[in-house]
Amino acid sequence: MSDAVKLGSNGRAPGGRFAEGNKMAAGNPVNRRMAELRRQVLESETPERVAEVVARMRDLAIGGDTAAARIYLEHTLGRAPQSIELSGAVQPLVDREQQLAMLADPDAIALACELDERLARST
């Protein structure tokens, strides 16, 4: 059986993948263009020229250019990790007494085992 798109089909091959001739299988034209431009830029540069740009950026940063300093440091050291501020007291979802009560309950243990088995089967 051919994987080509047939009139009236949904444009998919029997395995669910895009079939030959499906216009949507071509992907995003903007992404293809950007990939081509990036490829051309990478092919046109040499390690020496990149080193010159980095050195110039470092010199600008040392000279007081804060934008250059930010870019230079982000690309050499990486971005600073973002912190999350929590408001209020952090409480566990289940307190210790509830945990102990659930561990003593045979029905709760059976349910937990059943859920664990279902999860193991679904993955």
PDB file of N, CA and C in Angstrom:
ATOM      1  N   MET A   1       0.837  -1.177   0.000  1.00  0.00           N
ATOM      2  CA  MET A   1       0.000   0.000   0.000  1.00  0.00           C
ATOM      3  C   MET A   1       0.884   1.242   0.000  1.00  0.00           C
ATOM      4  N   SER A   2       0.570   2.238  -0.802  1.00  0.00           N
ATOM      5  CA  SER A   2       1.374   3.447  -0.920  1.00  0.00           C
ATOM      6  C   SER A   2       1.119   4.382   0.248  1.00  0.00           C
ATOM      7  N   ASP A   3       2.169   5.121   0.632  1.00  0.00           N
ATOM      8  CA  ASP A   3       2.030   6.085   1.713  1.00  0.00           C
ATOM      9  C   ASP A   3       1.642   7.462   1.191  1.00  0.00           C
ATOM     10  N   ALA A   4       1.317   7.592  -0.083  1.00  0.00           N
ATOM     11  CA  ALA A   4       0.952   8.886  -0.651  1.00  0.00           C
ATOM     12  C   ALA A   4      -0.425   9.307  -0.151  1.00  0.00           C
ATOM     13  N   VAL A   5      -0.659  10.614  -0.123  1.00  0.00           N
ATOM     14  CA  VAL A   5      -1.945  11.144   0.325  1.00  0.00           C
ATOM     15  C   VAL A   5      -3.003  10.826  -0.711  1.00  0.00           C
ATOM     16  N   LYS A   6      -4.115  10.286  -0.245  1.00  0.00           N
ATOM     17  CA  LYS A   6      -5.235   9.946  -1.127  1.00  0.00           C
ATOM     18  C   LYS A   6      -6.334  10.971  -0.934  1.00  0.00           C
ATOM     19  N   LEU A   7      -7.117  11.216  -1.983  1.00  0.00           N
ATOM     20  CA  LEU A   7      -8.232  12.149  -1.926  1.00  0.00           C
ATOM     21  C   LEU A   7      -9.190  11.726  -0.823  1.00  0.00           C
ATOM     22  N   GLY A   8      -9.553  12.660   0.045  1.00  0.00           N
ATOM     23  CA  GLY A   8     -10.493  12.361   1.122  1.00  0.00           C
ATOM     24  C   GLY A   8      -9.833  11.829   2.382  1.00  0.00           C
ATOM     25  N   SER A   9      -8.504  11.586   2.368  1.00  0.00           N
ATOM     26  CA  SER A   9      -7.843  11.103   3.569  1.00  0.00           C
ATOM     27  C   SER A   9      -7.477  12.283   4.453  1.00  0.00           C
ATOM     28  N   ASN A  10      -6.995  12.006   5.629  1.00  0.00           N
ATOM     29  CA  ASN A  10      -6.582  13.083   6.527  1.00  0.00           C
ATOM     30  C   ASN A  10      -5.112  13.446   6.336  1.00  0.00           C
ATOM     31  N   GLY A  11      -4.472  12.925   5.305  1.00  0.00           N
ATOM     32  CA  GLY A  11      -3.082  13.254   5.014  1.00  0.00           C
ATOM     33  C   GLY A  11      -2.077  12.481   5.824  1.00  0.00           C
ATOM     34  N   ARG A  12      -2.520  11.402   6.423  1.00  0.00           N
ATOM     35  CA  ARG A  12      -1.620  10.609   7.261  1.00  0.00           C
ATOM     36  C   ARG A  12      -1.456   9.207   6.678  1.00  0.00           C
ATOM     37  N   ALA A  13      -0.275   8.669   6.900  1.00  0.00           N
ATOM     38  CA  ALA A  13       0.016   7.299   6.494  1.00  0.00           C
ATOM     39  C   ALA A  13      -0.596   6.354   7.519  1.00  0.00           C
ATOM     40  N   PRO A  14      -0.651   5.053   7.242  1.00  0.00           N
ATOM     41  CA  PRO A  14      -1.253   4.116   8.187  1.00  0.00           C
ATOM     42  C   PRO A  14      -0.658   4.171   9.595  1.00  0.00           C
ATOM     43  N   GLY A  15       0.615   4.481   9.760  1.00  0.00           N
ATOM     44  CA  GLY A  15       1.231   4.553  11.082  1.00  0.00           C
ATOM     45  C   GLY A  15       0.953   5.859  11.806  1.00  0.00           C
ATOM     46  N   GLY A  16       0.202   6.785  11.203  1.00  0.00           N
ATOM     47  CA  GLY A  16      -0.123   8.049  11.837  1.00  0.00           C
ATOM     48  C   GLY A  16       0.803   9.193  11.470  1.00  0.00           C
ATOM     49  N   ARG A  17       1.886   8.898  10.761  1.00  0.00           N
ATOM     50  CA  ARG A  17       2.822   9.950  10.356  1.00  0.00           C
ATOM     51  C   ARG A  17       2.280  10.665   9.131  1.00  0.00           C
ATOM     52  N   PHE A  18       2.818  11.873   8.861  1.00  0.00           N
ATOM     53  CA  PHE A  18       2.416  12.585   7.660  1.00  0.00           C
ATOM     54  C   PHE A  18       2.793  11.762   6.435  1.00  0.00           C
ATOM     55  N   ALA A  19       1.871  11.667   5.511  1.00  0.00           N
ATOM     56  CA  ALA A  19       2.114  10.905   4.287  1.00  0.00           C
ATOM     57  C   ALA A  19       2.770  11.798   3.236  1.00  0.00           C
ATOM     58  N   GLU A  20       3.383  11.178   2.249  1.00  0.00           N
ATOM     59  CA  GLU A  20       4.000  11.903   1.150  1.00  0.00           C
ATOM     60  C   GLU A  20       2.913  12.724   0.445  1.00  0.00           C
ATOM     61  N   GLY A  21       3.225  13.976   0.168  1.00  0.00           N
ATOM     62  CA  GLY A  21       2.263  14.848  -0.489  1.00  0.00           C
ATOM     63  C   GLY A  21       1.453  15.704   0.472  1.00  0.00           C
ATOM     64  N   ASN A  22       1.557  15.472   1.762  1.00  0.00           N
ATOM     65  CA  ASN A  22       0.834  16.264   2.747  1.00  0.00           C
ATOM     66  C   ASN A  22       1.557  17.599   2.895  1.00  0.00           C
ATOM     67  N   LYS A  23       0.851  18.692   2.603  1.00  0.00           N
ATOM     68  CA  LYS A  23       1.481  20.015   2.646  1.00  0.00           C
ATOM     69  C   LYS A  23       1.904  20.419   4.056  1.00  0.00           C
ATOM     70  N   MET A  24       1.228  19.906   5.075  1.00  0.00           N
ATOM     71  CA  MET A  24       1.567  20.263   6.440  1.00  0.00           C
ATOM     72  C   MET A  24       2.861  19.591   6.903  1.00  0.00           C
ATOM     73  N   ALA A  25       3.296  18.556   6.218  1.00  0.00           N
ATOM     74  CA  ALA A  25       4.504  17.838   6.613  1.00  0.00           C
ATOM     75  C   ALA A  25       5.767  18.646   6.323  1.00  0.00           C
ATOM     76  N   ALA A  26       5.639  19.716   5.561  1.00  0.00           N
ATOM     77  CA  ALA A  26       6.810  20.506   5.189  1.00  0.00           C
ATOM     78  C   ALA A  26       7.374  21.287   6.374  1.00  0.00           C
ATOM     79  N   GLY A  27       6.607  21.501   7.414  1.00  0.00           N
ATOM     80  CA  GLY A  27       7.086  22.236   8.584  1.00  0.00           C
ATOM     81  C   GLY A  27       6.861  23.724   8.444  1.00  0.00           C
ATOM     82  N   ASN A  28       7.402  24.467   9.397  1.00  0.00           N
ATOM     83  CA  ASN A  28       7.217  25.907   9.462  1.00  0.00           C
ATOM     84  C   ASN A  28       8.223  26.590   8.530  1.00  0.00           C
ATOM     85  N   PRO A  29       7.751  27.354   7.537  1.00  0.00           N
ATOM     86  CA  PRO A  29       8.681  27.987   6.599  1.00  0.00           C
ATOM     87  C   PRO A  29       9.578  29.034   7.268  1.00  0.00           C
ATOM     88  N   VAL A  30       9.102  29.694   8.305  1.00  0.00           N
ATOM     89  CA  VAL A  30       9.929  30.683   9.007  1.00  0.00           C
ATOM     90  C   VAL A  30      11.083  29.976   9.716  1.00  0.00           C
ATOM     91  N   ASN A  31      10.798  28.824  10.347  1.00  0.00           N
ATOM     92  CA  ASN A  31      11.864  28.075  11.011  1.00  0.00           C
ATOM     93  C   ASN A  31      12.891  27.573  10.007  1.00  0.00           C
ATOM     94  N   ARG A  32      12.424  27.120   8.837  1.00  0.00           N
ATOM     95  CA  ARG A  32      13.369  26.663   7.811  1.00  0.00           C
ATOM     96  C   ARG A  32      14.268  27.813   7.364  1.00  0.00           C
ATOM     97  N   ARG A  33      13.693  29.000   7.189  1.00  0.00           N
ATOM     98  CA  ARG A  33      14.467  30.164   6.753  1.00  0.00           C
ATOM     99  C   ARG A  33      15.488  30.556   7.833  1.00  0.00           C
ATOM    100  N   MET A  34      15.066  30.583   9.089  1.00  0.00           N
ATOM    101  CA  MET A  34      15.986  30.930  10.180  1.00  0.00           C
ATOM    102  C   MET A  34      17.122  29.911  10.277  1.00  0.00           C
ATOM    103  N   ALA A  35      16.807  28.646  10.105  1.00  0.00           N
ATOM    104  CA  ALA A  35      17.848  27.610  10.150  1.00  0.00           C
ATOM    105  C   ALA A  35      18.848  27.827   9.025  1.00  0.00           C
ATOM    106  N   GLU A  36      18.365  28.194   7.854  1.00  0.00           N
ATOM    107  CA  GLU A  36      19.257  28.443   6.719  1.00  0.00           C
ATOM    108  C   GLU A  36      20.147  29.660   6.987  1.00  0.00           C
ATOM    109  N   LEU A  37      19.575  30.720   7.542  1.00  0.00           N
ATOM    110  CA  LEU A  37      20.366  31.915   7.853  1.00  0.00           C
ATOM    111  C   LEU A  37      21.419  31.611   8.913  1.00  0.00           C
ATOM    112  N   ARG A  38      21.045  30.863   9.954  1.00  0.00           N
ATOM    113  CA  ARG A  38      22.015  30.489  10.991  1.00  0.00           C
ATOM    114  C   ARG A  38      23.146  29.644  10.405  1.00  0.00           C
ATOM    115  N   ARG A  39      22.784  28.724   9.518  1.00  0.00           N
ATOM    116  CA  ARG A  39      23.802  27.881   8.890  1.00  0.00           C
ATOM    117  C   ARG A  39      24.787  28.743   8.111  1.00  0.00           C
ATOM    118  N   GLN A  40      24.263  29.726   7.349  1.00  0.00           N
ATOM    119  CA  GLN A  40      25.136  30.599   6.572  1.00  0.00           C
ATOM    120  C   GLN A  40      26.048  31.428   7.470  1.00  0.00           C
ATOM    121  N   VAL A  41      25.522  31.950   8.577  1.00  0.00           N
ATOM    122  CA  VAL A  41      26.343  32.739   9.500  1.00  0.00           C
ATOM    123  C   VAL A  41      27.442  31.867  10.095  1.00  0.00           C
ATOM    124  N   LEU A  42      27.089  30.660  10.541  1.00  0.00           N
ATOM    125  CA  LEU A  42      28.092  29.770  11.133  1.00  0.00           C
ATOM    126  C   LEU A  42      29.172  29.391  10.126  1.00  0.00           C
ATOM    127  N   GLU A  43      28.794  29.187   8.877  1.00  0.00           N
ATOM    128  CA  GLU A  43      29.793  28.832   7.857  1.00  0.00           C
ATOM    129  C   GLU A  43      30.706  30.008   7.518  1.00  0.00           C
ATOM    130  N   SER A  44      30.200  31.245   7.691  1.00  0.00           N
ATOM    131  CA  SER A  44      31.000  32.408   7.292  1.00  0.00           C
ATOM    132  C   SER A  44      31.977  32.856   8.371  1.00  0.00           C
ATOM    133  N   GLU A  45      31.842  32.377   9.590  1.00  0.00           N
ATOM    134  CA  GLU A  45      32.694  32.832  10.681  1.00  0.00           C
ATOM    135  C   GLU A  45      33.820  31.844  10.975  1.00  0.00           C
ATOM    136  N   THR A  46      34.896  32.388  11.502  1.00  0.00           N
ATOM    137  CA  THR A  46      36.038  31.575  11.910  1.00  0.00           C
ATOM    138  C   THR A  46      36.207  31.696  13.423  1.00  0.00           C
ATOM    139  N   PRO A  47      36.879  30.745  14.044  1.00  0.00           N
ATOM    140  CA  PRO A  47      37.123  30.851  15.489  1.00  0.00           C
ATOM    141  C   PRO A  47      37.882  32.131  15.861  1.00  0.00           C
ATOM    142  N   GLU A  48      38.771  32.586  14.995  1.00  0.00           N
ATOM    143  CA  GLU A  48      39.549  33.790  15.281  1.00  0.00           C
ATOM    144  C   GLU A  48      38.647  35.021  15.328  1.00  0.00           C
ATOM    145  N   ARG A  49      37.703  35.120  14.385  1.00  0.00           N
ATOM    146  CA  ARG A  49      36.798  36.275  14.350  1.00  0.00           C
ATOM    147  C   ARG A  49      35.856  36.261  15.546  1.00  0.00           C
ATOM    148  N   VAL A  50      35.415  35.086  15.937  1.00  0.00           N
ATOM    149  CA  VAL A  50      34.566  34.992  17.120  1.00  0.00           C
ATOM    150  C   VAL A  50      35.355  35.428  18.350  1.00  0.00           C
ATOM    151  N   ALA A  51      36.607  35.019  18.442  1.00  0.00           N
ATOM    152  CA  ALA A  51      37.457  35.420  19.573  1.00  0.00           C
ATOM    153  C   ALA A  51      37.641  36.938  19.591  1.00  0.00           C
ATOM    154  N   GLU A  52      37.762  37.564  18.407  1.00  0.00           N
ATOM    155  CA  GLU A  52      37.887  39.021  18.332  1.00  0.00           C
ATOM    156  C   GLU A  52      36.635  39.702  18.873  1.00  0.00           C
ATOM    157  N   VAL A  53      35.466  39.177  18.513  1.00  0.00           N
ATOM    158  CA  VAL A  53      34.205  39.755  18.985  1.00  0.00           C
ATOM    159  C   VAL A  53      34.109  39.620  20.506  1.00  0.00           C
ATOM    160  N   VAL A  54      34.467  38.454  21.024  1.00  0.00           N
ATOM    161  CA  VAL A  54      34.417  38.237  22.476  1.00  0.00           C
ATOM    162  C   VAL A  54      35.380  39.189  23.180  1.00  0.00           C
ATOM    163  N   ALA A  55      36.568  39.354  22.642  1.00  0.00           N
ATOM    164  CA  ALA A  55      37.544  40.260  23.252  1.00  0.00           C
ATOM    165  C   ALA A  55      37.033  41.694  23.232  1.00  0.00           C
ATOM    166  N   ARG A  56      36.423  42.098  22.131  1.00  0.00           N
ATOM    167  CA  ARG A  56      35.870  43.468  22.031  1.00  0.00           C
ATOM    168  C   ARG A  56      34.729  43.645  23.028  1.00  0.00           C
ATOM    169  N   MET A  57      33.875  42.643  23.163  1.00  0.00           N
ATOM    170  CA  MET A  57      32.766  42.716  24.117  1.00  0.00           C
ATOM    171  C   MET A  57      33.314  42.830  25.541  1.00  0.00           C
ATOM    172  N   ARG A  58      34.358  42.064  25.840  1.00  0.00           N
ATOM    173  CA  ARG A  58      34.992  42.133  27.160  1.00  0.00           C
ATOM    174  C   ARG A  58      35.578  43.524  27.404  1.00  0.00           C
ATOM    175  N   ASP A  59      36.248  44.084  26.390  1.00  0.00           N
ATOM    176  CA  ASP A  59      36.828  45.422  26.534  1.00  0.00           C
ATOM    177  C   ASP A  59      35.748  46.469  26.775  1.00  0.00           C
ATOM    178  N   LEU A  60      34.638  46.372  26.059  1.00  0.00           N
ATOM    179  CA  LEU A  60      33.530  47.306  26.263  1.00  0.00           C
ATOM    180  C   LEU A  60      32.964  47.167  27.679  1.00  0.00           C
ATOM    181  N   ALA A  61      32.844  45.921  28.146  1.00  0.00           N
ATOM    182  CA  ALA A  61      32.323  45.680  29.487  1.00  0.00           C
ATOM    183  C   ALA A  61      33.247  46.276  30.540  1.00  0.00           C
ATOM    184  N   ILE A  62      34.550  46.076  30.371  1.00  0.00           N
ATOM    185  CA  ILE A  62      35.521  46.621  31.317  1.00  0.00           C
ATOM    186  C   ILE A  62      35.500  48.148  31.286  1.00  0.00           C
ATOM    187  N   GLY A  63      35.216  48.704  30.103  1.00  0.00           N
ATOM    188  CA  GLY A  63      35.158  50.156  29.959  1.00  0.00           C
ATOM    189  C   GLY A  63      33.896  50.782  30.519  1.00  0.00           C
ATOM    190  N   GLY A  64      32.974  49.986  31.028  1.00  0.00           N
ATOM    191  CA  GLY A  64      31.783  50.546  31.664  1.00  0.00           C
ATOM    192  C   GLY A  64      30.489  50.370  30.897  1.00  0.00           C
ATOM    193  N   ASP A  65      30.526  49.748  29.732  1.00  0.00           N
ATOM    194  CA  ASP A  65      29.294  49.515  28.956  1.00  0.00           C
ATOM    195  C   ASP A  65      28.504  48.400  29.643  1.00  0.00           C
ATOM    196  N   THR A  66      27.420  48.793  30.331  1.00  0.00           N
ATOM    197  CA  THR A  66      26.672  47.805  31.121  1.00  0.00           C
ATOM    198  C   THR A  66      25.957  46.780  30.241  1.00  0.00           C
ATOM    199  N   ALA A  67      25.487  47.185  29.069  1.00  0.00           N
ATOM    200  CA  ALA A  67      24.829  46.225  28.166  1.00  0.00           C
ATOM    201  C   ALA A  67      25.847  45.182  27.699  1.00  0.00           C
ATOM    202  N   ALA A  68      27.036  45.637  27.358  1.00  0.00           N
ATOM    203  CA  ALA A  68      28.093  44.713  26.943  1.00  0.00           C
ATOM    204  C   ALA A  68      28.483  43.800  28.098  1.00  0.00           C
ATOM    205  N   ALA A  69      28.544  44.352  29.311  1.00  0.00           N
ATOM    206  CA  ALA A  69      28.891  43.546  30.480  1.00  0.00           C
ATOM    207  C   ALA A  69      27.848  42.460  30.705  1.00  0.00           C
ATOM    208  N   ARG A  70      26.569  42.834  30.601  1.00  0.00           N
ATOM    209  CA  ARG A  70      25.501  41.850  30.805  1.00  0.00           C
ATOM    210  C   ARG A  70      25.604  40.729  29.774  1.00  0.00           C
ATOM    211  N   ILE A  71      25.754  41.091  28.511  1.00  0.00           N
ATOM    212  CA  ILE A  71      25.833  40.084  27.451  1.00  0.00           C
ATOM    213  C   ILE A  71      27.080  39.213  27.624  1.00  0.00           C
ATOM    214  N   TYR A  72      28.216  39.854  27.892  1.00  0.00           N
ATOM    215  CA  TYR A  72      29.473  39.111  28.065  1.00  0.00           C
ATOM    216  C   TYR A  72      29.359  38.116  29.213  1.00  0.00           C
ATOM    217  N   LEU A  73      28.862  38.580  30.365  1.00  0.00           N
ATOM    218  CA  LEU A  73      28.763  37.700  31.535  1.00  0.00           C
ATOM    219  C   LEU A  73      27.726  36.599  31.342  1.00  0.00           C
ATOM    220  N   GLU A  74      26.594  36.912  30.712  1.00  0.00           N
ATOM    221  CA  GLU A  74      25.580  35.879  30.476  1.00  0.00           C
ATOM    222  C   GLU A  74      26.107  34.780  29.564  1.00  0.00           C
ATOM    223  N   HIS A  75      26.962  35.156  28.616  1.00  0.00           N
ATOM    224  CA  HIS A  75      27.466  34.154  27.676  1.00  0.00           C
ATOM    225  C   HIS A  75      28.723  33.447  28.161  1.00  0.00           C
ATOM    226  N   THR A  76      29.385  33.998  29.155  1.00  0.00           N
ATOM    227  CA  THR A  76      30.558  33.308  29.693  1.00  0.00           C
ATOM    228  C   THR A  76      30.231  32.551  30.969  1.00  0.00           C
ATOM    229  N   LEU A  77      29.469  33.185  31.874  1.00  0.00           N
ATOM    230  CA  LEU A  77      29.126  32.547  33.145  1.00  0.00           C
ATOM    231  C   LEU A  77      27.755  31.891  33.138  1.00  0.00           C
ATOM    232  N   GLY A  78      26.908  32.272  32.194  1.00  0.00           N
ATOM    233  CA  GLY A  78      25.529  31.791  32.165  1.00  0.00           C
ATOM    234  C   GLY A  78      24.633  32.746  32.929  1.00  0.00           C
ATOM    235  N   ARG A  79      23.357  32.636  32.683  1.00  0.00           N
ATOM    236  CA  ARG A  79      22.401  33.506  33.369  1.00  0.00           C
ATOM    237  C   ARG A  79      22.280  33.128  34.832  1.00  0.00           C
ATOM    238  N   ALA A  80      22.009  34.119  35.642  1.00  0.00           N
ATOM    239  CA  ALA A  80      21.809  33.880  37.070  1.00  0.00           C
ATOM    240  C   ALA A  80      20.518  33.088  37.266  1.00  0.00           C
ATOM    241  N   PRO A  81      20.519  32.132  38.174  1.00  0.00           N
ATOM    242  CA  PRO A  81      19.294  31.358  38.402  1.00  0.00           C
ATOM    243  C   PRO A  81      18.195  32.256  38.944  1.00  0.00           C
ATOM    244  N   GLN A  82      16.983  32.007  38.478  1.00  0.00           N
ATOM    245  CA  GLN A  82      15.830  32.768  38.944  1.00  0.00           C
ATOM    246  C   GLN A  82      15.339  32.166  40.247  1.00  0.00           C
ATOM    247  N   SER A  83      15.017  33.018  41.202  1.00  0.00           N
ATOM    248  CA  SER A  83      14.514  32.517  42.473  1.00  0.00           C
ATOM    249  C   SER A  83      12.999  32.658  42.509  1.00  0.00           C
ATOM    250  N   ILE A  84      12.391  31.826  43.307  1.00  0.00           N
ATOM    251  CA  ILE A  84      10.945  31.857  43.486  1.00  0.00           C
ATOM    252  C   ILE A  84      10.685  32.246  44.932  1.00  0.00           C
ATOM    253  N   GLU A  85       9.892  33.282  45.117  1.00  0.00           N
ATOM    254  CA  GLU A  85       9.586  33.714  46.472  1.00  0.00           C
ATOM    255  C   GLU A  85       8.250  33.116  46.887  1.00  0.00           C
ATOM    256  N   LEU A  86       8.266  32.386  47.982  1.00  0.00           N
ATOM    257  CA  LEU A  86       7.050  31.792  48.517  1.00  0.00           C
ATOM    258  C   LEU A  86       6.515  32.687  49.617  1.00  0.00           C
ATOM    259  N   SER A  87       5.205  32.874  49.621  1.00  0.00           N
ATOM    260  CA  SER A  87       4.619  33.677  50.683  1.00  0.00           C
ATOM    261  C   SER A  87       3.864  32.756  51.627  1.00  0.00           C
ATOM    262  N   GLY A  88       3.970  33.036  52.891  1.00  0.00           N
ATOM    263  CA  GLY A  88       3.288  32.223  53.876  1.00  0.00           C
ATOM    264  C   GLY A  88       4.114  31.015  54.270  1.00  0.00           C
ATOM    265  N   ALA A  89       3.604  30.300  55.244  1.00  0.00           N
ATOM    266  CA  ALA A  89       4.298  29.111  55.733  1.00  0.00           C
ATOM    267  C   ALA A  89       4.100  27.963  54.753  1.00  0.00           C
ATOM    268  N   VAL A  90       5.144  27.194  54.520  1.00  0.00           N
ATOM    269  CA  VAL A  90       5.071  26.040  53.637  1.00  0.00           C
ATOM    270  C   VAL A  90       4.646  24.838  54.471  1.00  0.00           C
ATOM    271  N   GLN A  91       3.549  24.245  54.108  1.00  0.00           N
ATOM    272  CA  GLN A  91       3.011  23.100  54.832  1.00  0.00           C
ATOM    273  C   GLN A  91       3.111  21.864  53.946  1.00  0.00           C
ATOM    274  N   PRO A  92       3.422  20.715  54.490  1.00  0.00           N
ATOM    275  CA  PRO A  92       3.384  19.490  53.686  1.00  0.00           C
ATOM    276  C   PRO A  92       1.942  19.186  53.282  1.00  0.00           C
ATOM    277  N   LEU A  93       1.775  18.493  52.169  1.00  0.00           N
ATOM    278  CA  LEU A  93       0.428  18.153  51.706  1.00  0.00           C
ATOM    279  C   LEU A  93      -0.292  17.256  52.706  1.00  0.00           C
ATOM    280  N   VAL A  94       0.450  16.340  53.328  1.00  0.00           N
ATOM    281  CA  VAL A  94      -0.116  15.443  54.335  1.00  0.00           C
ATOM    282  C   VAL A  94       0.796  15.509  55.544  1.00  0.00           C
ATOM    283  N   ASP A  95       0.226  15.767  56.723  1.00  0.00           N
ATOM    284  CA  ASP A  95       1.080  15.860  57.904  1.00  0.00           C
ATOM    285  C   ASP A  95       1.479  14.464  58.400  1.00  0.00           C
ATOM    286  N   ARG A  96       2.390  14.434  59.326  1.00  0.00           N
ATOM    287  CA  ARG A  96       2.975  13.173  59.810  1.00  0.00           C
ATOM    288  C   ARG A  96       1.917  12.239  60.404  1.00  0.00           C
ATOM    289  N   GLU A  97       0.974  12.780  61.165  1.00  0.00           N
ATOM    290  CA  GLU A  97      -0.067  11.941  61.764  1.00  0.00           C
ATOM    291  C   GLU A  97      -0.945  11.291  60.698  1.00  0.00           C
ATOM    292  N   GLN A  98      -1.263  12.048  59.645  1.00  0.00           N
ATOM    293  CA  GLN A  98      -2.064  11.479  58.549  1.00  0.00           C
ATOM    294  C   GLN A  98      -1.286  10.374  57.838  1.00  0.00           C
ATOM    295  N   GLN A  99       0.015  10.584  57.653  1.00  0.00           N
ATOM    296  CA  GLN A  99       0.836   9.562  57.007  1.00  0.00           C
ATOM    297  C   GLN A  99       0.829   8.269  57.812  1.00  0.00           C
ATOM    298  N   LEU A 100       1.016   8.386  59.121  1.00  0.00           N
ATOM    299  CA  LEU A 100       1.028   7.199  59.978  1.00  0.00           C
ATOM    300  C   LEU A 100      -0.328   6.498  59.975  1.00  0.00           C
ATOM    301  N   ALA A 101      -1.404   7.286  59.971  1.00  0.00           N
ATOM    302  CA  ALA A 101      -2.740   6.697  59.942  1.00  0.00           C
ATOM    303  C   ALA A 101      -2.965   5.949  58.630  1.00  0.00           C
ATOM    304  N   MET A 102      -2.497   6.507  57.527  1.00  0.00           N
ATOM    305  CA  MET A 102      -2.668   5.843  56.229  1.00  0.00           C
ATOM    306  C   MET A 102      -1.844   4.562  56.163  1.00  0.00           C
ATOM    307  N   LEU A 103      -0.643   4.569  56.750  1.00  0.00           N
ATOM    308  CA  LEU A 103       0.189   3.368  56.743  1.00  0.00           C
ATOM    309  C   LEU A 103      -0.410   2.255  57.600  1.00  0.00           C
ATOM    310  N   ALA A 104      -1.209   2.614  58.607  1.00  0.00           N
ATOM    311  CA  ALA A 104      -1.840   1.614  59.471  1.00  0.00           C
ATOM    312  C   ALA A 104      -3.144   1.084  58.879  1.00  0.00           C
ATOM    313  N   ASP A 105      -3.661   1.744  57.842  1.00  0.00           N
ATOM    314  CA  ASP A 105      -4.939   1.354  57.242  1.00  0.00           C
ATOM    315  C   ASP A 105      -4.691   0.373  56.095  1.00  0.00           C
ATOM    316  N   PRO A 106      -5.139  -0.901  56.215  1.00  0.00           N
ATOM    317  CA  PRO A 106      -4.898  -1.885  55.165  1.00  0.00           C
ATOM    318  C   PRO A 106      -5.565  -1.505  53.844  1.00  0.00           C
ATOM    319  N   ASP A 107      -6.726  -0.840  53.899  1.00  0.00           N
ATOM    320  CA  ASP A 107      -7.395  -0.423  52.661  1.00  0.00           C
ATOM    321  C   ASP A 107      -6.591   0.643  51.921  1.00  0.00           C
ATOM    322  N   ALA A 108      -5.987   1.558  52.684  1.00  0.00           N
ATOM    323  CA  ALA A 108      -5.156   2.596  52.067  1.00  0.00           C
ATOM    324  C   ALA A 108      -3.916   1.983  51.426  1.00  0.00           C
ATOM    325  N   ILE A 109      -3.325   0.989  52.086  1.00  0.00           N
ATOM    326  CA  ILE A 109      -2.150   0.306  51.536  1.00  0.00           C
ATOM    327  C   ILE A 109      -2.527  -0.429  50.255  1.00  0.00           C
ATOM    328  N   ALA A 110      -3.667  -1.108  50.247  1.00  0.00           N
ATOM    329  CA  ALA A 110      -4.120  -1.837  49.063  1.00  0.00           C
ATOM    330  C   ALA A 110      -4.365  -0.878  47.905  1.00  0.00           C
ATOM    331  N   LEU A 111      -4.984   0.257  48.193  1.00  0.00           N
ATOM    332  CA  LEU A 111      -5.239   1.252  47.156  1.00  0.00           C
ATOM    333  C   LEU A 111      -3.932   1.797  46.595  1.00  0.00           C
ATOM    334  N   ALA A 112      -2.970   2.087  47.460  1.00  0.00           N
ATOM    335  CA  ALA A 112      -1.681   2.593  47.006  1.00  0.00           C
ATOM    336  C   ALA A 112      -0.970   1.566  46.124  1.00  0.00           C
ATOM    337  N   CYS A 113      -1.033   0.296  46.498  1.00  0.00           N
ATOM    338  CA  CYS A 113      -0.412  -0.760  45.685  1.00  0.00           C
ATOM    339  C   CYS A 113      -1.091  -0.876  44.334  1.00  0.00           C
ATOM    340  N   GLU A 114      -2.411  -0.774  44.318  1.00  0.00           N
ATOM    341  CA  GLU A 114      -3.161  -0.863  43.054  1.00  0.00           C
ATOM    342  C   GLU A 114      -2.805   0.309  42.137  1.00  0.00           C
ATOM    343  N   LEU A 115      -2.727   1.503  42.697  1.00  0.00           N
ATOM    344  CA  LEU A 115      -2.357   2.668  41.892  1.00  0.00           C
ATOM    345  C   LEU A 115      -0.936   2.528  41.354  1.00  0.00           C
ATOM    346  N   ASP A 116      -0.033   2.002  42.176  1.00  0.00           N
ATOM    347  CA  ASP A 116       1.338   1.796  41.744  1.00  0.00           C
ATOM    348  C   ASP A 116       1.402   0.809  40.578  1.00  0.00           C
ATOM    349  N   GLU A 117       0.641  -0.270  40.650  1.00  0.00           N
ATOM    350  CA  GLU A 117       0.600  -1.258  39.569  1.00  0.00           C
ATOM    351  C   GLU A 117       0.037  -0.644  38.297  1.00  0.00           C
ATOM    352  N   ARG A 118      -1.032   0.146  38.421  1.00  0.00           N
ATOM    353  CA  ARG A 118      -1.616   0.805  37.241  1.00  0.00           C
ATOM    354  C   ARG A 118      -0.610   1.736  36.594  1.00  0.00           C
ATOM    355  N   LEU A 119       0.094   2.518  37.402  1.00  0.00           N
ATOM    356  CA  LEU A 119       1.105   3.415  36.853  1.00  0.00           C
ATOM    357  C   LEU A 119       2.212   2.632  36.161  1.00  0.00           C
ATOM    358  N   ALA A 120       2.630   1.525  36.738  1.00  0.00           N
ATOM    359  CA  ALA A 120       3.698   0.717  36.141  1.00  0.00           C
ATOM    360  C   ALA A 120       3.248   0.146  34.792  1.00  0.00           C
ATOM    361  N   ARG A 121       1.997  -0.248  34.679  1.00  0.00           N
ATOM    362  CA  ARG A 121       1.465  -0.803  33.425  1.00  0.00           C
ATOM    363  C   ARG A 121       1.315   0.267  32.353  1.00  0.00           C
ATOM    364  N   SER A 122       1.008   1.508  32.760  1.00  0.00           N
ATOM    365  CA  SER A 122       0.736   2.566  31.777  1.00  0.00           C
ATOM    366  C   SER A 122       2.012   3.172  31.190  1.00  0.00           C
ATOM    367  N   THR A 123       3.153   2.895  31.801  1.00  0.00           N
ATOM    368  CA  THR A 123       4.401   3.475  31.267  1.00  0.00           C
ATOM    369  C   THR A 123       5.196   2.489  30.475  1.00  0.00           C
TER     370      THR A 123
END
